[in-house]
Amino acid sequence: ATGAMGFANLGILAAFARARRVPRRGFNILNTKRAPRGFYKGKGAQATGHHTKMGRYRILQDKLPKYVVPDLTGFKLKPYVAKDTPKAPST
């Protein structure tokens, strides 16, 4: 059984040895310089609406991000620390 596995491993190694070692042309990252005219890649952001027949953009409330902010009344900590604040002793 080990002899058959050895031949299989040699086949895989031989395939890697025959593999092309230089970059292939035509498989570059697609950007606006290498793409067809009118190509717009974007940044992966979610659309917040759609275009109408009249050329306007309609924002859909369901697609807008919803931020959940907790009630911070009576919260003792401040959002920023002043530069002249002394360092706390490390324990």
N, C-alpha and C. Protein backbone atom coordinates (compact mmCIF):
# COMPACT_ATOMS: atom_id res chain seq x y z
N ALA A 1 0.83 -1.19 0.00
CA ALA A 1 0.00 0.00 0.00
C ALA A 1 0.87 1.25 0.00
N THR A 2 2.03 1.17 0.67
CA THR A 2 2.88 2.36 0.72
C THR A 2 3.52 2.64 -0.62
N GLY A 3 3.74 1.59 -1.44
CA GLY A 3 4.34 1.81 -2.76
C GLY A 3 3.42 2.61 -3.67
N ALA A 4 2.12 2.33 -3.62
CA ALA A 4 1.17 3.07 -4.45
C ALA A 4 1.11 4.53 -4.03
N MET A 5 1.17 4.79 -2.73
CA MET A 5 1.16 6.17 -2.24
C MET A 5 2.41 6.90 -2.67
N GLY A 6 3.53 6.18 -2.70
CA GLY A 6 4.77 6.81 -3.13
C GLY A 6 4.70 7.26 -4.57
N PHE A 7 4.10 6.43 -5.46
CA PHE A 7 3.96 6.81 -6.85
C PHE A 7 3.01 8.00 -7.01
N ALA A 8 1.96 8.04 -6.18
CA ALA A 8 1.02 9.17 -6.25
C ALA A 8 1.71 10.45 -5.83
N ASN A 9 2.54 10.39 -4.80
CA ASN A 9 3.25 11.58 -4.36
C ASN A 9 4.25 12.04 -5.41
N LEU A 10 4.91 11.09 -6.09
CA LEU A 10 5.84 11.46 -7.15
C LEU A 10 5.12 12.14 -8.30
N GLY A 11 3.89 11.70 -8.59
CA GLY A 11 3.11 12.34 -9.64
C GLY A 11 2.77 13.78 -9.30
N ILE A 12 2.45 14.02 -8.06
CA ILE A 12 2.14 15.39 -7.62
C ILE A 12 3.39 16.25 -7.68
N LEU A 13 4.51 15.70 -7.22
CA LEU A 13 5.77 16.46 -7.26
C LEU A 13 6.19 16.74 -8.69
N ALA A 14 6.00 15.78 -9.59
CA ALA A 14 6.35 16.00 -10.99
C ALA A 14 5.47 17.08 -11.60
N ALA A 15 4.21 17.11 -11.21
CA ALA A 15 3.31 18.15 -11.73
C ALA A 15 3.76 19.53 -11.26
N PHE A 16 4.19 19.64 -10.01
CA PHE A 16 4.69 20.93 -9.51
C PHE A 16 5.98 21.30 -10.22
N ALA A 17 6.82 20.33 -10.55
CA ALA A 17 8.07 20.62 -11.23
C ALA A 17 7.82 21.14 -12.64
N ARG A 18 6.74 20.63 -13.30
CA ARG A 18 6.42 21.09 -14.65
C ARG A 18 5.64 22.41 -14.65
N ALA A 19 5.23 22.88 -13.50
CA ALA A 19 4.37 24.07 -13.42
C ALA A 19 5.12 25.29 -13.91
N ARG A 20 4.35 26.24 -14.38
CA ARG A 20 4.91 27.49 -14.90
C ARG A 20 5.37 28.35 -13.74
N ARG A 21 6.57 28.87 -13.81
CA ARG A 21 7.15 29.63 -12.70
C ARG A 21 7.14 31.14 -12.92
N VAL A 22 6.64 31.60 -14.04
CA VAL A 22 6.57 33.04 -14.31
C VAL A 22 5.11 33.46 -14.29
N PRO A 23 4.83 34.71 -13.97
CA PRO A 23 3.44 35.16 -13.96
C PRO A 23 2.81 35.08 -15.35
N ARG A 24 1.56 34.71 -15.39
CA ARG A 24 0.85 34.58 -16.66
C ARG A 24 0.24 35.91 -17.06
N ARG A 25 0.29 36.22 -18.34
CA ARG A 25 -0.32 37.46 -18.83
C ARG A 25 -1.83 37.29 -18.90
N GLY A 26 -2.55 38.33 -18.62
CA GLY A 26 -3.99 38.29 -18.73
C GLY A 26 -4.70 37.94 -17.43
N PHE A 27 -3.97 37.66 -16.38
CA PHE A 27 -4.60 37.33 -15.10
C PHE A 27 -4.24 38.36 -14.04
N ASN A 28 -4.16 39.61 -14.43
CA ASN A 28 -3.83 40.68 -13.48
C ASN A 28 -5.09 41.12 -12.75
N ILE A 29 -4.90 41.96 -11.75
CA ILE A 29 -6.03 42.50 -11.00
C ILE A 29 -6.82 43.42 -11.92
N LEU A 30 -8.13 43.25 -11.93
CA LEU A 30 -8.98 44.06 -12.80
C LEU A 30 -9.19 45.42 -12.17
N ASN A 31 -8.75 46.45 -12.86
CA ASN A 31 -8.98 47.82 -12.41
C ASN A 31 -9.53 48.62 -13.58
N THR A 32 -9.76 49.90 -13.38
CA THR A 32 -10.41 50.70 -14.41
C THR A 32 -9.52 50.93 -15.62
N LYS A 33 -8.20 50.80 -15.48
CA LYS A 33 -7.33 50.97 -16.64
C LYS A 33 -7.35 49.73 -17.54
N ARG A 34 -7.55 48.55 -16.97
CA ARG A 34 -7.49 47.31 -17.74
C ARG A 34 -8.88 46.81 -18.14
N ALA A 35 -9.92 47.47 -17.71
CA ALA A 35 -11.28 46.99 -17.93
C ALA A 35 -11.91 47.69 -19.13
N PRO A 36 -13.07 47.22 -19.58
CA PRO A 36 -13.77 47.89 -20.67
C PRO A 36 -14.21 49.30 -20.27
N ARG A 37 -14.53 50.09 -21.29
CA ARG A 37 -14.95 51.47 -21.03
C ARG A 37 -16.24 51.48 -20.22
N GLY A 38 -16.31 52.33 -19.23
CA GLY A 38 -17.50 52.43 -18.39
C GLY A 38 -17.47 51.50 -17.19
N PHE A 39 -16.40 50.75 -17.02
CA PHE A 39 -16.32 49.84 -15.87
C PHE A 39 -16.10 50.63 -14.60
N TYR A 40 -16.87 50.34 -13.55
CA TYR A 40 -16.74 51.00 -12.26
C TYR A 40 -16.67 49.93 -11.20
N LYS A 41 -15.53 49.81 -10.56
CA LYS A 41 -15.33 48.74 -9.60
C LYS A 41 -15.98 49.03 -8.26
N GLY A 42 -15.86 50.24 -7.78
CA GLY A 42 -16.42 50.58 -6.48
C GLY A 42 -15.57 50.05 -5.34
N LYS A 43 -16.04 50.23 -4.14
CA LYS A 43 -15.29 49.81 -2.95
C LYS A 43 -16.02 48.75 -2.14
N GLY A 44 -17.06 48.15 -2.69
CA GLY A 44 -17.77 47.11 -1.98
C GLY A 44 -18.83 47.62 -1.03
N ALA A 45 -19.21 48.89 -1.16
CA ALA A 45 -20.20 49.46 -0.27
C ALA A 45 -21.61 49.02 -0.69
N GLN A 46 -22.49 48.89 0.27
CA GLN A 46 -23.87 48.50 0.00
C GLN A 46 -24.64 49.69 -0.56
N ALA A 47 -25.40 49.49 -1.61
CA ALA A 47 -26.22 50.55 -2.18
C ALA A 47 -27.35 50.91 -1.22
N THR A 48 -27.65 52.20 -1.09
CA THR A 48 -28.70 52.64 -0.17
C THR A 48 -30.01 52.93 -0.89
N GLY A 49 -30.07 52.69 -2.19
CA GLY A 49 -31.30 52.96 -2.92
C GLY A 49 -31.19 52.48 -4.35
N HIS A 50 -31.92 53.15 -5.26
CA HIS A 50 -31.88 52.76 -6.67
C HIS A 50 -32.13 53.99 -7.53
N HIS A 51 -31.78 53.89 -8.81
CA HIS A 51 -32.00 54.97 -9.76
C HIS A 51 -33.41 54.86 -10.34
N THR A 52 -34.05 56.01 -10.50
CA THR A 52 -35.40 56.04 -11.06
C THR A 52 -35.32 56.24 -12.57
N LYS A 53 -36.47 56.15 -13.24
CA LYS A 53 -36.52 56.38 -14.69
C LYS A 53 -36.15 57.80 -15.06
N MET A 54 -36.41 58.73 -14.14
CA MET A 54 -36.15 60.15 -14.41
C MET A 54 -34.70 60.54 -14.16
N GLY A 55 -33.86 59.59 -13.76
CA GLY A 55 -32.46 59.89 -13.54
C GLY A 55 -32.13 60.31 -12.13
N ARG A 56 -33.09 60.25 -11.25
CA ARG A 56 -32.83 60.59 -9.85
C ARG A 56 -32.46 59.35 -9.06
N TYR A 57 -32.04 59.55 -7.85
CA TYR A 57 -31.66 58.44 -6.98
C TYR A 57 -32.60 58.42 -5.79
N ARG A 58 -33.29 57.31 -5.60
CA ARG A 58 -34.25 57.20 -4.50
C ARG A 58 -33.62 56.40 -3.37
N ILE A 59 -33.53 57.00 -2.18
CA ILE A 59 -32.95 56.35 -1.01
C ILE A 59 -34.04 55.55 -0.32
N LEU A 60 -33.73 54.28 -0.05
CA LEU A 60 -34.67 53.41 0.64
C LEU A 60 -34.28 53.34 2.12
N GLN A 61 -35.22 53.63 2.99
CA GLN A 61 -34.95 53.67 4.43
C GLN A 61 -34.54 52.30 4.97
N ASP A 62 -35.04 51.22 4.32
CA ASP A 62 -34.68 49.88 4.78
C ASP A 62 -33.21 49.56 4.55
N LYS A 63 -32.60 50.24 3.57
CA LYS A 63 -31.21 49.94 3.24
C LYS A 63 -30.22 50.85 3.96
N LEU A 64 -30.70 51.86 4.67
CA LEU A 64 -29.80 52.74 5.42
C LEU A 64 -29.28 52.03 6.66
N PRO A 65 -28.03 52.29 7.05
CA PRO A 65 -27.52 51.65 8.27
C PRO A 65 -28.24 52.18 9.50
N LYS A 66 -28.47 51.28 10.44
CA LYS A 66 -29.14 51.66 11.69
C LYS A 66 -28.14 51.53 12.83
N TYR A 67 -27.87 52.62 13.50
CA TYR A 67 -26.91 52.63 14.59
C TYR A 67 -27.65 52.56 15.92
N VAL A 68 -27.28 51.61 16.75
CA VAL A 68 -27.88 51.46 18.07
C VAL A 68 -26.91 52.07 19.08
N VAL A 69 -27.32 53.19 19.68
CA VAL A 69 -26.48 53.91 20.63
C VAL A 69 -27.09 53.74 22.02
N PRO A 70 -26.33 53.26 22.99
CA PRO A 70 -26.91 53.09 24.33
C PRO A 70 -27.10 54.44 25.02
N ASP A 71 -27.97 54.46 26.00
CA ASP A 71 -28.22 55.67 26.79
C ASP A 71 -27.04 55.87 27.74
N LEU A 72 -26.34 56.99 27.62
CA LEU A 72 -25.14 57.25 28.42
C LEU A 72 -25.37 58.29 29.51
N THR A 73 -26.60 58.54 29.90
CA THR A 73 -26.84 59.48 30.98
C THR A 73 -26.33 58.88 32.28
N GLY A 74 -25.59 59.67 33.03
CA GLY A 74 -25.02 59.22 34.30
C GLY A 74 -23.76 58.37 34.13
N PHE A 75 -23.21 58.30 32.93
CA PHE A 75 -22.00 57.53 32.67
C PHE A 75 -20.81 58.35 33.13
N LYS A 76 -19.92 57.79 33.94
CA LYS A 76 -18.85 58.55 34.58
C LYS A 76 -17.64 58.76 33.68
N LEU A 77 -17.36 57.85 32.77
CA LEU A 77 -16.17 57.99 31.94
C LEU A 77 -16.40 59.01 30.84
N LYS A 78 -15.32 59.68 30.44
CA LYS A 78 -15.37 60.66 29.37
C LYS A 78 -14.82 60.01 28.09
N PRO A 79 -15.16 60.54 26.92
CA PRO A 79 -14.71 59.90 25.70
C PRO A 79 -13.22 60.08 25.41
N TYR A 80 -12.59 61.14 25.92
CA TYR A 80 -11.19 61.40 25.63
C TYR A 80 -10.41 61.53 26.93
N VAL A 81 -9.10 61.31 26.84
CA VAL A 81 -8.22 61.46 28.00
C VAL A 81 -7.28 62.62 27.70
N ALA A 82 -7.17 63.57 28.63
CA ALA A 82 -6.31 64.73 28.45
C ALA A 82 -4.85 64.31 28.48
N LYS A 83 -3.99 65.08 27.80
CA LYS A 83 -2.56 64.76 27.72
C LYS A 83 -1.88 64.90 29.08
N ASP A 84 -2.39 65.80 29.94
CA ASP A 84 -1.73 66.04 31.22
C ASP A 84 -2.25 65.10 32.33
N THR A 85 -3.02 64.09 31.97
CA THR A 85 -3.50 63.12 32.94
C THR A 85 -2.34 62.25 33.41
N PRO A 86 -2.13 62.12 34.73
CA PRO A 86 -1.03 61.27 35.20
C PRO A 86 -1.33 59.81 34.93
N LYS A 87 -0.26 59.04 34.70
CA LYS A 87 -0.43 57.61 34.42
C LYS A 87 -0.81 56.89 35.71
N ALA A 88 -1.68 55.91 35.57
CA ALA A 88 -2.09 55.10 36.72
C ALA A 88 -0.98 54.11 37.06
N PRO A 89 -0.75 53.87 38.34
CA PRO A 89 0.30 52.90 38.69
C PRO A 89 -0.09 51.50 38.23
N SER A 90 0.87 50.80 37.63
CA SER A 90 0.58 49.45 37.14
C SER A 90 0.70 48.47 38.30
N THR A 91 -0.19 47.52 38.34
CA THR A 91 -0.17 46.54 39.43
C THR A 91 0.34 45.20 38.96
